[in-house]
Structures are given as structure tokens and as C-alpha cells.
C-alpha atoms as a PDB file:
ATOM      1  CA  UNK A   1      -0.001  -0.055  -0.049  1.00  0.00           C
ATOM      2  CA  UNK A   2       1.693   3.201  -1.139  1.00  0.00           C
ATOM      3  CA  UNK A   3       1.850   6.035   1.416  1.00  0.00           C
ATOM      4  CA  UNK A   4      -0.680   8.919   1.250  1.00  0.00           C
ATOM      5  CA  UNK A   5       1.184  11.845  -0.268  1.00  0.00           C
ATOM      6  CA  UNK A   6       1.038  15.095   1.763  1.00  0.00           C
ATOM      7  CA  UNK A   7       4.444  16.330   0.564  1.00  0.00           C
ATOM      8  CA  UNK A   8       6.111  16.014  -2.857  1.00  0.00           C
ATOM      9  CA  UNK A   9       7.402  12.576  -3.478  1.00  0.00           C
ATOM     10  CA  UNK A  10      10.919  12.710  -4.855  1.00  0.00           C
ATOM     11  CA  UNK A  11      11.446   8.992  -5.577  1.00  0.00           C
ATOM     12  CA  UNK A  12       9.988   5.604  -4.616  1.00  0.00           C
ATOM     13  CA  UNK A  13      12.060   2.415  -4.382  1.00  0.00           C
ATOM     14  CA  UNK A  14      10.808  -1.084  -4.083  1.00  0.00           C
ATOM     15  CA  UNK A  15      13.634  -3.242  -2.610  1.00  0.00           C
ATOM     16  CA  UNK A  16      13.521  -6.829  -1.309  1.00  0.00           C
ATOM     17  CA  UNK A  17      12.817  -5.771   2.268  1.00  0.00           C
ATOM     18  CA  UNK A  18      10.720  -2.584   1.976  1.00  0.00           C
ATOM     19  CA  UNK A  19       9.066   0.101  -0.072  1.00  0.00           C
ATOM     20  CA  UNK A  20      10.943   3.406   0.500  1.00  0.00           C
ATOM     21  CA  UNK A  21       9.368   6.699  -0.396  1.00  0.00           C
ATOM     22  CA  UNK A  22      11.840   9.661  -0.483  1.00  0.00           C
ATOM     23  CA  UNK A  23      10.534  13.148   0.226  1.00  0.00           C
ATOM     24  CA  UNK A  24      12.464  16.452   0.384  1.00  0.00           C
ATOM     25  CA  UNK A  25      13.489  16.101   4.016  1.00  0.00           C
ATOM     26  CA  UNK A  26      12.597  12.594   5.040  1.00  0.00           C
ATOM     27  CA  UNK A  27      11.854   9.022   3.956  1.00  0.00           C
ATOM     28  CA  UNK A  28       8.856   6.828   4.646  1.00  0.00           C
ATOM     29  CA  UNK A  29       9.540   3.134   4.804  1.00  0.00           C
ATOM     30  CA  UNK A  30       7.181   0.272   4.756  1.00  0.00           C
ATOM     31  CA  UNK A  31       8.845  -3.036   5.622  1.00  0.00           C
ATOM     32  CA  UNK A  32       7.299  -5.852   3.663  1.00  0.00           C
ATOM     33  CA  UNK A  33       5.042  -8.536   5.205  1.00  0.00           C
ATOM     34  CA  UNK A  34       6.914 -11.239   6.982  1.00  0.00           C
ATOM     35  CA  UNK A  35      10.434  -9.799   6.534  1.00  0.00           C
ATOM     36  CA  UNK A  36      13.024 -10.387   9.316  1.00  0.00           C
ATOM     37  CA  UNK A  37      14.293  -6.765   9.232  1.00  0.00           C
ATOM     38  CA  UNK A  38      17.915  -6.694  10.443  1.00  0.00           C
ATOM     39  CA  UNK A  39      21.067  -4.414  10.170  1.00  0.00           C
ATOM     40  CA  UNK A  40      21.829  -5.754   6.617  1.00  0.00           C
ATOM     41  CA  UNK A  41      18.358  -4.528   5.492  1.00  0.00           C
ATOM     42  CA  UNK A  42      19.005  -1.267   7.170  1.00  0.00           C
ATOM     43  CA  UNK A  43      22.273  -0.891   5.295  1.00  0.00           C
ATOM     44  CA  UNK A  44      20.450  -1.395   1.997  1.00  0.00           C
ATOM     45  CA  UNK A  45      17.996   1.459   2.963  1.00  0.00           C
ATOM     46  CA  UNK A  46      21.038   3.567   4.097  1.00  0.00           C
ATOM     47  CA  UNK A  47      22.471   3.455   0.589  1.00  0.00           C
ATOM     48  CA  UNK A  48      19.266   4.865  -0.781  1.00  0.00           C
ATOM     49  CA  UNK A  49      19.201   7.523   1.879  1.00  0.00           C
ATOM     50  CA  UNK A  50      22.808   8.544   1.166  1.00  0.00           C
ATOM     51  CA  UNK A  51      21.922   8.868  -2.553  1.00  0.00           C
ATOM     52  CA  UNK A  52      19.352  11.494  -1.808  1.00  0.00           C
ATOM     53  CA  UNK A  53      20.529  13.266   1.329  1.00  0.00           C
ATOM     54  CA  UNK A  54      24.305  12.803   1.054  1.00  0.00           C
ATOM     55  CA  UNK A  55      25.028  13.773   4.656  1.00  0.00           C
ATOM     56  CA  UNK A  56      22.328  16.364   4.948  1.00  0.00           C
ATOM     57  CA  UNK A  57      20.016  15.842   8.072  1.00  0.00           C
ATOM     58  CA  UNK A  58      16.903  13.888   7.307  1.00  0.00           C
ATOM     59  CA  UNK A  59      13.992  12.208   9.011  1.00  0.00           C
ATOM     60  CA  UNK A  60      12.919   8.557   8.972  1.00  0.00           C
ATOM     61  CA  UNK A  61       9.336   7.479   9.255  1.00  0.00           C
ATOM     62  CA  UNK A  62       8.663   3.719   9.818  1.00  0.00           C
ATOM     63  CA  UNK A  63       5.102   3.154   8.639  1.00  0.00           C
ATOM     64  CA  UNK A  64       4.247  -0.163  10.081  1.00  0.00           C
ATOM     65  CA  UNK A  65       1.417  -1.276   7.796  1.00  0.00           C
ATOM     66  CA  UNK A  66       2.749  -4.820   7.589  1.00  0.00           C
ATOM     67  CA  UNK A  67       3.676  -7.513  10.138  1.00  0.00           C
ATOM     68  CA  UNK A  68       7.388  -8.203  10.306  1.00  0.00           C
ATOM     69  CA  UNK A  69      10.073  -8.911  12.954  1.00  0.00           C
ATOM     70  CA  UNK A  70      13.127  -7.045  14.012  1.00  0.00           C
ATOM     71  CA  UNK A  71      15.691  -7.240  16.842  1.00  0.00           C
ATOM     72  CA  UNK A  72      15.106  -4.344  19.252  1.00  0.00           C
ATOM     73  CA  UNK A  73      18.791  -4.091  20.291  1.00  0.00           C
ATOM     74  CA  UNK A  74      19.567  -3.279  16.725  1.00  0.00           C
ATOM     75  CA  UNK A  75      18.094   0.153  17.374  1.00  0.00           C
ATOM     76  CA  UNK A  76      21.255   0.975  19.329  1.00  0.00           C
ATOM     77  CA  UNK A  77      23.084   1.001  15.963  1.00  0.00           C
ATOM     78  CA  UNK A  78      20.716   3.114  14.034  1.00  0.00           C
ATOM     79  CA  UNK A  79      23.027   6.245  14.268  1.00  0.00           C
ATOM     80  CA  UNK A  80      25.878   4.168  12.936  1.00  0.00           C
ATOM     81  CA  UNK A  81      23.899   3.128   9.836  1.00  0.00           C
ATOM     82  CA  UNK A  82      22.246   6.492   9.371  1.00  0.00           C
ATOM     83  CA  UNK A  83      24.709   9.085  10.748  1.00  0.00           C
ATOM     84  CA  UNK A  84      22.800  12.256   9.577  1.00  0.00           C
ATOM     85  CA  UNK A  85      19.357  11.023  10.982  1.00  0.00           C
ATOM     86  CA  UNK A  86      17.814  14.078  12.603  1.00  0.00           C
ATOM     87  CA  UNK A  87      14.525  12.480  13.710  1.00  0.00           C
ATOM     88  CA  UNK A  88      12.825   9.063  13.821  1.00  0.00           C
ATOM     89  CA  UNK A  89       9.052   8.427  13.844  1.00  0.00           C
ATOM     90  CA  UNK A  90       7.051   5.229  13.889  1.00  0.00           C
ATOM     91  CA  UNK A  91       3.414   4.969  12.761  1.00  0.00           C
ATOM     92  CA  UNK A  92       1.600   2.168  14.544  1.00  0.00           C
ATOM     93  CA  UNK A  93      -1.865   0.740  13.911  1.00  0.00           C
ATOM     94  CA  UNK A  94      -2.473  -1.438  17.041  1.00  0.00           C
ATOM     95  CA  UNK A  95      -1.531  -1.753  20.735  1.00  0.00           C
ATOM     96  CA  UNK A  96       0.997  -4.513  20.082  1.00  0.00           C
ATOM     97  CA  UNK A  97       2.996  -2.399  17.625  1.00  0.00           C
ATOM     98  CA  UNK A  98       2.883   0.516  20.169  1.00  0.00           C
ATOM     99  CA  UNK A  99       4.284  -1.799  22.789  1.00  0.00           C
ATOM    100  CA  UNK A 100       7.092  -2.998  20.544  1.00  0.00           C
ATOM    101  CA  UNK A 101       8.066   0.637  19.843  1.00  0.00           C
ATOM    102  CA  UNK A 102       8.380   1.176  23.608  1.00  0.00           C
ATOM    103  CA  UNK A 103      10.823  -1.693  23.812  1.00  0.00           C
ATOM    104  CA  UNK A 104      12.807  -0.498  20.749  1.00  0.00           C
ATOM    105  CA  UNK A 105      12.926   3.009  22.140  1.00  0.00           C
ATOM    106  CA  UNK A 106      14.812   1.630  25.195  1.00  0.00           C
ATOM    107  CA  UNK A 107      17.747   0.928  22.819  1.00  0.00           C
ATOM    108  CA  UNK A 108      17.481   3.918  20.526  1.00  0.00           C
ATOM    109  CA  UNK A 109      19.486   7.046  21.430  1.00  0.00           C
ATOM    110  CA  UNK A 110      17.748   9.992  19.716  1.00  0.00           C
ATOM    111  CA  UNK A 111      14.530  11.571  18.924  1.00  0.00           C
ATOM    112  CA  UNK A 112      11.814   8.814  18.364  1.00  0.00           C
ATOM    113  CA  UNK A 113       8.157   9.576  18.353  1.00  0.00           C
ATOM    114  CA  UNK A 114       5.122   7.383  17.873  1.00  0.00           C
ATOM    115  CA  UNK A 115       2.065   8.259  15.847  1.00  0.00           C
ATOM    116  CA  UNK A 116      -1.197   6.616  14.921  1.00  0.00           C
ATOM    117  CA  UNK A 117      -1.433   8.280  11.480  1.00  0.00           C
ATOM    118  CA  UNK A 118       1.047   8.861   8.719  1.00  0.00           C
ATOM    119  CA  UNK A 119      -0.198  12.418   8.184  1.00  0.00           C
ATOM    120  CA  UNK A 120       0.533  13.393  11.790  1.00  0.00           C
ATOM    121  CA  UNK A 121       3.948  11.724  11.498  1.00  0.00           C
ATOM    122  CA  UNK A 122       4.691  13.650   8.317  1.00  0.00           C
ATOM    123  CA  UNK A 123       3.641  16.911   9.848  1.00  0.00           C
ATOM    124  CA  UNK A 124       5.824  16.349  12.937  1.00  0.00           C
ATOM    125  CA  UNK A 125       8.753  15.224  10.812  1.00  0.00           C
ATOM    126  CA  UNK A 126       8.605  18.287   8.589  1.00  0.00           C
ATOM    127  CA  UNK A 127       8.883  20.671  11.452  1.00  0.00           C
ATOM    128  CA  UNK A 128      11.339  18.635  13.481  1.00  0.00           C
ATOM    129  CA  UNK A 129      13.900  18.258  10.545  1.00  0.00           C
ATOM    130  CA  UNK A 130      13.449  21.992   9.806  1.00  0.00           C
ATOM    131  CA  UNK A 131      14.213  22.858  13.387  1.00  0.00           C
ATOM    132  CA  UNK A 132      17.147  20.443  13.484  1.00  0.00           C
ATOM    133  CA  UNK A 133      18.661  22.050  10.459  1.00  0.00           C
ATOM    134  CA  UNK A 134      18.329  25.532  12.061  1.00  0.00           C
ATOM    135  CA  UNK A 135      19.962  24.531  15.332  1.00  0.00           C
ATOM    136  CA  UNK A 136      22.771  22.684  13.391  1.00  0.00           C
ATOM    137  CA  UNK A 137      23.643  25.688  11.292  1.00  0.00           C
ATOM    138  CA  UNK A 138      23.361  28.278  14.161  1.00  0.00           C
END
């Protein structure tokens, strides 16, 4: 299911593990059904991110429309894989997903927010990345 477009879509990629939609200041990823998402998958996504942002601060929205697995401790390595990540948002659609994000957030060092709609996550991300860029250049 492609994301609802509230901002201008720059490029969409369909890779083995996910569909990645690149916008001006952030990406929206939808990991595919049944995938065991791991650091190797994240590195594939990181190459796409680097192609578009090339070290510029960006935001990452994980739109959890599908059921898949991951290793929560891997979230401690997110900044290694995505060094210019300014903000991280997760869109959840049920209480179990929300609980999983709470566990993942224990390992993530950074700015992670949870939303129940993609629109709200995109609105938050737009403002957060803009503010991050302002504080980084000041």
C-alpha cells in the first residue's frame, strides 16, 4: 500500500525488504510482510538515503502497515547506519505495535516519536527536521 502523499514525493524504491518513499527532508519506509528486518536490511536502505541526502540531516518514518520482525537491540546501531538522521518516527496501527516501539525506544538514542497516522508523523517530521537544520547551522 503506497503512502498517502502530503508532501512532494521525490522518488519511490521497491527493494527486497521494503518500499521506500523519499521526500524532500525525510523518508517513509514500509517493511514488507513477513520480513525479518535486520542491520543488513537497514544498510540497503542507508544506501538509498545517502543517494538523496548525502550527509544532509533527514528524518525517517517507519510506517508499520505490515507484520514483520526485528531485533530491538539493533536500534542501538541506528546512528551508525544513518549518521545524519535528525529524527525518527514510527506509525503504529495497534496496541502490540505500540508496545514493540516502547521496547525498541529503550535501545534507541535519539529523537523517536510514535504516531497513529502517517499524516501526523509527516507533519511532525517536517517541523522537526527544519528545526534540527536551524539549530545545526546556528
